[in-house]
Amino acid sequence: MILRGLIVLLLLFDAFLAYKFIWSNRGYIYYQEQCQYKQSLVNRLDKIETESCKLSQQIRMLKKESRLLEKEIRCRLHYARDDEVMYMKFEE
């Protein structure tokens, strides 16, 4: 009789531990969510590093080539030389 009570008590304790392991606020489900969050941050960091490298290369090229710098200024800021006329198309 005592042995059956002890077995039931141990089974209840095992069930409690399994519940804590899986569904507690620091359990397996939480761990899986954190792994997914970490992976999303790693992916985001990779994208940012790639973009940073591209921008660094572009900055180096703009510092070296004055013609390239002039082209970028003229395209993005719509600048024209003194003897030029600029036509712009506006779309609605």
N, C-alpha and C. Protein backbone atom coordinates (compact mmCIF):
# COMPACT_ATOMS: atom_id res chain seq x y z
N MET A 1 0.83 -1.19 0.00
CA MET A 1 0.00 0.00 0.00
C MET A 1 0.87 1.26 0.00
N ILE A 2 1.88 1.26 0.83
CA ILE A 2 2.79 2.40 0.89
C ILE A 2 3.56 2.52 -0.43
N LEU A 3 3.90 1.39 -1.01
CA LEU A 3 4.62 1.38 -2.28
C LEU A 3 3.76 1.99 -3.39
N ARG A 4 2.46 1.66 -3.41
CA ARG A 4 1.56 2.24 -4.42
C ARG A 4 1.44 3.75 -4.22
N GLY A 5 1.32 4.19 -3.00
CA GLY A 5 1.23 5.62 -2.72
C GLY A 5 2.49 6.35 -3.14
N LEU A 6 3.64 5.71 -2.89
CA LEU A 6 4.91 6.30 -3.29
C LEU A 6 5.03 6.37 -4.81
N ILE A 7 4.58 5.34 -5.51
CA ILE A 7 4.61 5.33 -6.97
C ILE A 7 3.70 6.42 -7.53
N VAL A 8 2.50 6.55 -6.96
CA VAL A 8 1.57 7.61 -7.41
C VAL A 8 2.19 8.98 -7.14
N LEU A 9 2.79 9.13 -5.99
CA LEU A 9 3.42 10.41 -5.65
C LEU A 9 4.56 10.71 -6.62
N LEU A 10 5.37 9.73 -6.95
CA LEU A 10 6.46 9.93 -7.90
C LEU A 10 5.94 10.23 -9.31
N LEU A 11 4.84 9.57 -9.72
CA LEU A 11 4.25 9.86 -11.02
C LEU A 11 3.71 11.29 -11.08
N LEU A 12 3.08 11.74 -10.00
CA LEU A 12 2.59 13.12 -9.95
C LEU A 12 3.76 14.11 -9.99
N PHE A 13 4.81 13.77 -9.30
CA PHE A 13 5.99 14.63 -9.31
C PHE A 13 6.62 14.66 -10.71
N ASP A 14 6.67 13.52 -11.39
CA ASP A 14 7.17 13.47 -12.76
C ASP A 14 6.30 14.31 -13.70
N ALA A 15 4.99 14.22 -13.52
CA ALA A 15 4.08 15.02 -14.34
C ALA A 15 4.31 16.51 -14.10
N PHE A 16 4.52 16.89 -12.84
CA PHE A 16 4.80 18.28 -12.50
C PHE A 16 6.10 18.74 -13.15
N LEU A 17 7.14 17.92 -13.09
CA LEU A 17 8.41 18.27 -13.69
C LEU A 17 8.30 18.38 -15.21
N ALA A 18 7.54 17.48 -15.83
CA ALA A 18 7.33 17.54 -17.28
C ALA A 18 6.61 18.83 -17.66
N TYR A 19 5.60 19.19 -16.88
CA TYR A 19 4.88 20.44 -17.12
C TYR A 19 5.84 21.63 -17.02
N LYS A 20 6.64 21.66 -15.98
CA LYS A 20 7.60 22.76 -15.79
C LYS A 20 8.62 22.79 -16.92
N PHE A 21 9.06 21.62 -17.36
CA PHE A 21 10.06 21.55 -18.42
C PHE A 21 9.52 22.09 -19.74
N ILE A 22 8.27 21.83 -20.03
CA ILE A 22 7.72 22.21 -21.33
C ILE A 22 7.06 23.58 -21.30
N TRP A 23 6.16 23.83 -20.37
CA TRP A 23 5.31 25.02 -20.45
C TRP A 23 5.64 26.13 -19.45
N SER A 24 6.65 26.04 -18.69
CA SER A 24 6.94 27.11 -17.74
C SER A 24 7.51 28.32 -18.48
N ASN A 25 7.69 29.41 -17.79
CA ASN A 25 8.18 30.62 -18.44
C ASN A 25 9.65 30.51 -18.85
N ARG A 26 10.35 29.49 -18.45
CA ARG A 26 11.71 29.22 -18.89
C ARG A 26 11.84 27.80 -19.44
N GLY A 27 10.76 27.25 -19.95
CA GLY A 27 10.74 25.87 -20.42
C GLY A 27 11.14 25.73 -21.87
N TYR A 28 10.83 24.58 -22.42
CA TYR A 28 11.23 24.23 -23.78
C TYR A 28 10.58 25.13 -24.82
N ILE A 29 9.33 25.45 -24.66
CA ILE A 29 8.63 26.31 -25.62
C ILE A 29 9.27 27.71 -25.63
N TYR A 30 9.57 28.22 -24.45
CA TYR A 30 10.26 29.51 -24.34
C TYR A 30 11.63 29.44 -25.03
N TYR A 31 12.33 28.34 -24.83
CA TYR A 31 13.63 28.15 -25.45
C TYR A 31 13.53 28.16 -26.98
N GLN A 32 12.52 27.49 -27.53
CA GLN A 32 12.33 27.47 -28.97
C GLN A 32 12.02 28.87 -29.51
N GLU A 33 11.19 29.62 -28.80
CA GLU A 33 10.88 30.98 -29.21
C GLU A 33 12.13 31.85 -29.21
N GLN A 34 12.97 31.68 -28.20
CA GLN A 34 14.19 32.46 -28.12
C GLN A 34 15.17 32.08 -29.23
N CYS A 35 15.21 30.81 -29.59
CA CYS A 35 16.07 30.38 -30.71
C CYS A 35 15.61 31.01 -32.02
N GLN A 36 14.30 31.05 -32.24
CA GLN A 36 13.77 31.68 -33.46
C GLN A 36 14.06 33.18 -33.46
N TYR A 37 13.92 33.81 -32.31
CA TYR A 37 14.20 35.25 -32.21
C TYR A 37 15.68 35.52 -32.47
N LYS A 38 16.54 34.68 -31.92
CA LYS A 38 17.98 34.83 -32.15
C LYS A 38 18.30 34.68 -33.63
N GLN A 39 17.69 33.71 -34.30
CA GLN A 39 17.94 33.50 -35.72
C GLN A 39 17.47 34.69 -36.54
N SER A 40 16.34 35.28 -36.17
CA SER A 40 15.87 36.46 -36.90
C SER A 40 16.83 37.63 -36.71
N LEU A 41 17.40 37.76 -35.50
CA LEU A 41 18.37 38.83 -35.27
C LEU A 41 19.66 38.59 -36.04
N VAL A 42 20.09 37.34 -36.13
CA VAL A 42 21.29 37.01 -36.89
C VAL A 42 21.07 37.34 -38.37
N ASN A 43 19.91 36.98 -38.90
CA ASN A 43 19.59 37.29 -40.30
C ASN A 43 19.57 38.80 -40.53
N ARG A 44 18.98 39.52 -39.61
CA ARG A 44 18.92 40.98 -39.73
C ARG A 44 20.31 41.58 -39.68
N LEU A 45 21.16 41.06 -38.79
CA LEU A 45 22.53 41.55 -38.69
C LEU A 45 23.31 41.28 -39.97
N ASP A 46 23.11 40.12 -40.57
CA ASP A 46 23.78 39.81 -41.84
C ASP A 46 23.38 40.80 -42.92
N LYS A 47 22.08 41.10 -43.00
CA LYS A 47 21.61 42.06 -44.00
C LYS A 47 22.23 43.44 -43.76
N ILE A 48 22.29 43.85 -42.52
CA ILE A 48 22.84 45.17 -42.19
C ILE A 48 24.33 45.21 -42.49
N GLU A 49 25.06 44.14 -42.19
CA GLU A 49 26.49 44.10 -42.49
C GLU A 49 26.74 44.15 -43.99
N THR A 50 25.91 43.45 -44.76
CA THR A 50 26.05 43.47 -46.21
C THR A 50 25.80 44.87 -46.75
N GLU A 51 24.76 45.50 -46.26
CA GLU A 51 24.46 46.87 -46.69
C GLU A 51 25.57 47.83 -46.28
N SER A 52 26.12 47.63 -45.10
CA SER A 52 27.21 48.48 -44.63
C SER A 52 28.44 48.35 -45.52
N CYS A 53 28.76 47.13 -45.92
CA CYS A 53 29.90 46.92 -46.83
C CYS A 53 29.68 47.61 -48.16
N LYS A 54 28.46 47.49 -48.69
CA LYS A 54 28.15 48.14 -49.97
C LYS A 54 28.29 49.65 -49.85
N LEU A 55 27.77 50.20 -48.76
CA LEU A 55 27.86 51.65 -48.58
C LEU A 55 29.31 52.09 -48.38
N SER A 56 30.10 51.30 -47.68
CA SER A 56 31.51 51.64 -47.49
C SER A 56 32.25 51.65 -48.82
N GLN A 57 31.97 50.67 -49.66
CA GLN A 57 32.59 50.64 -50.99
C GLN A 57 32.17 51.85 -51.81
N GLN A 58 30.91 52.19 -51.72
CA GLN A 58 30.43 53.35 -52.47
C GLN A 58 31.08 54.63 -51.98
N ILE A 59 31.25 54.76 -50.68
CA ILE A 59 31.91 55.95 -50.12
C ILE A 59 33.35 56.02 -50.60
N ARG A 60 34.07 54.89 -50.57
CA ARG A 60 35.45 54.88 -51.04
C ARG A 60 35.53 55.28 -52.51
N MET A 61 34.61 54.77 -53.32
CA MET A 61 34.61 55.10 -54.74
C MET A 61 34.31 56.59 -54.95
N LEU A 62 33.38 57.13 -54.18
CA LEU A 62 33.05 58.55 -54.33
C LEU A 62 34.22 59.44 -53.91
N LYS A 63 34.99 58.99 -52.93
CA LYS A 63 36.16 59.77 -52.51
C LYS A 63 37.25 59.74 -53.58
N LYS A 64 37.38 58.62 -54.29
CA LYS A 64 38.42 58.49 -55.31
C LYS A 64 38.05 59.21 -56.60
N GLU A 65 36.85 59.01 -57.05
CA GLU A 65 36.44 59.49 -58.38
C GLU A 65 35.58 60.75 -58.26
N SER A 66 36.10 61.87 -58.68
CA SER A 66 35.33 63.11 -58.61
C SER A 66 34.20 63.12 -59.64
N ARG A 67 34.41 62.45 -60.79
CA ARG A 67 33.35 62.38 -61.80
C ARG A 67 32.16 61.57 -61.29
N LEU A 68 32.45 60.51 -60.58
CA LEU A 68 31.38 59.70 -60.01
C LEU A 68 30.60 60.50 -58.96
N LEU A 69 31.31 61.27 -58.17
CA LEU A 69 30.67 62.12 -57.17
C LEU A 69 29.78 63.16 -57.84
N GLU A 70 30.28 63.76 -58.90
CA GLU A 70 29.48 64.74 -59.63
C GLU A 70 28.23 64.09 -60.22
N LYS A 71 28.37 62.90 -60.75
CA LYS A 71 27.22 62.19 -61.32
C LYS A 71 26.16 61.92 -60.26
N GLU A 72 26.59 61.47 -59.07
CA GLU A 72 25.65 61.20 -57.99
C GLU A 72 24.94 62.49 -57.55
N ILE A 73 25.68 63.57 -57.44
CA ILE A 73 25.08 64.85 -57.03
C ILE A 73 24.06 65.30 -58.06
N ARG A 74 24.41 65.18 -59.32
CA ARG A 74 23.51 65.63 -60.37
C ARG A 74 22.26 64.77 -60.45
N CYS A 75 22.40 63.46 -60.25
CA CYS A 75 21.24 62.58 -60.33
C CYS A 75 20.32 62.73 -59.13
N ARG A 76 20.89 62.70 -57.96
CA ARG A 76 20.05 62.69 -56.76
C ARG A 76 19.53 64.06 -56.37
N LEU A 77 20.35 65.09 -56.54
CA LEU A 77 19.95 66.43 -56.10
C LEU A 77 19.45 67.30 -57.25
N HIS A 78 19.47 66.76 -58.47
CA HIS A 78 18.97 67.45 -59.65
C HIS A 78 19.72 68.77 -59.89
N TYR A 79 21.03 68.71 -59.79
CA TYR A 79 21.86 69.88 -60.06
C TYR A 79 22.20 69.91 -61.54
N ALA A 80 22.40 71.11 -62.06
CA ALA A 80 22.80 71.29 -63.45
C ALA A 80 23.95 72.27 -63.48
N ARG A 81 24.76 72.15 -64.51
CA ARG A 81 25.84 73.11 -64.70
C ARG A 81 25.25 74.44 -65.18
N ASP A 82 26.11 75.46 -65.20
CA ASP A 82 25.63 76.79 -65.59
C ASP A 82 25.11 76.83 -67.03
N ASP A 83 25.72 76.07 -67.91
CA ASP A 83 25.33 76.12 -69.32
C ASP A 83 24.35 75.00 -69.70
N GLU A 84 23.73 74.36 -68.74
CA GLU A 84 22.81 73.26 -69.02
C GLU A 84 21.38 73.64 -68.66
N VAL A 85 20.44 72.99 -69.35
CA VAL A 85 19.03 73.12 -69.03
C VAL A 85 18.54 71.73 -68.64
N MET A 86 17.87 71.65 -67.52
CA MET A 86 17.42 70.35 -67.03
C MET A 86 15.91 70.22 -67.22
N TYR A 87 15.51 69.11 -67.83
CA TYR A 87 14.10 68.83 -68.02
C TYR A 87 13.75 67.70 -67.06
N MET A 88 12.67 67.90 -66.32
CA MET A 88 12.27 66.88 -65.36
C MET A 88 10.85 66.46 -65.67
N LYS A 89 10.60 65.19 -65.52
CA LYS A 89 9.27 64.64 -65.77
C LYS A 89 8.64 64.28 -64.42
N PHE A 90 7.50 64.84 -64.16
CA PHE A 90 6.77 64.55 -62.92
C PHE A 90 5.59 63.66 -63.26
N GLU A 91 5.48 62.57 -62.54
CA GLU A 91 4.37 61.64 -62.77
C GLU A 91 3.39 61.75 -61.62
N GLU A 92 2.14 61.59 -61.94
CA GLU A 92 1.11 61.65 -60.91
C GLU A 92 0.64 60.28 -60.53
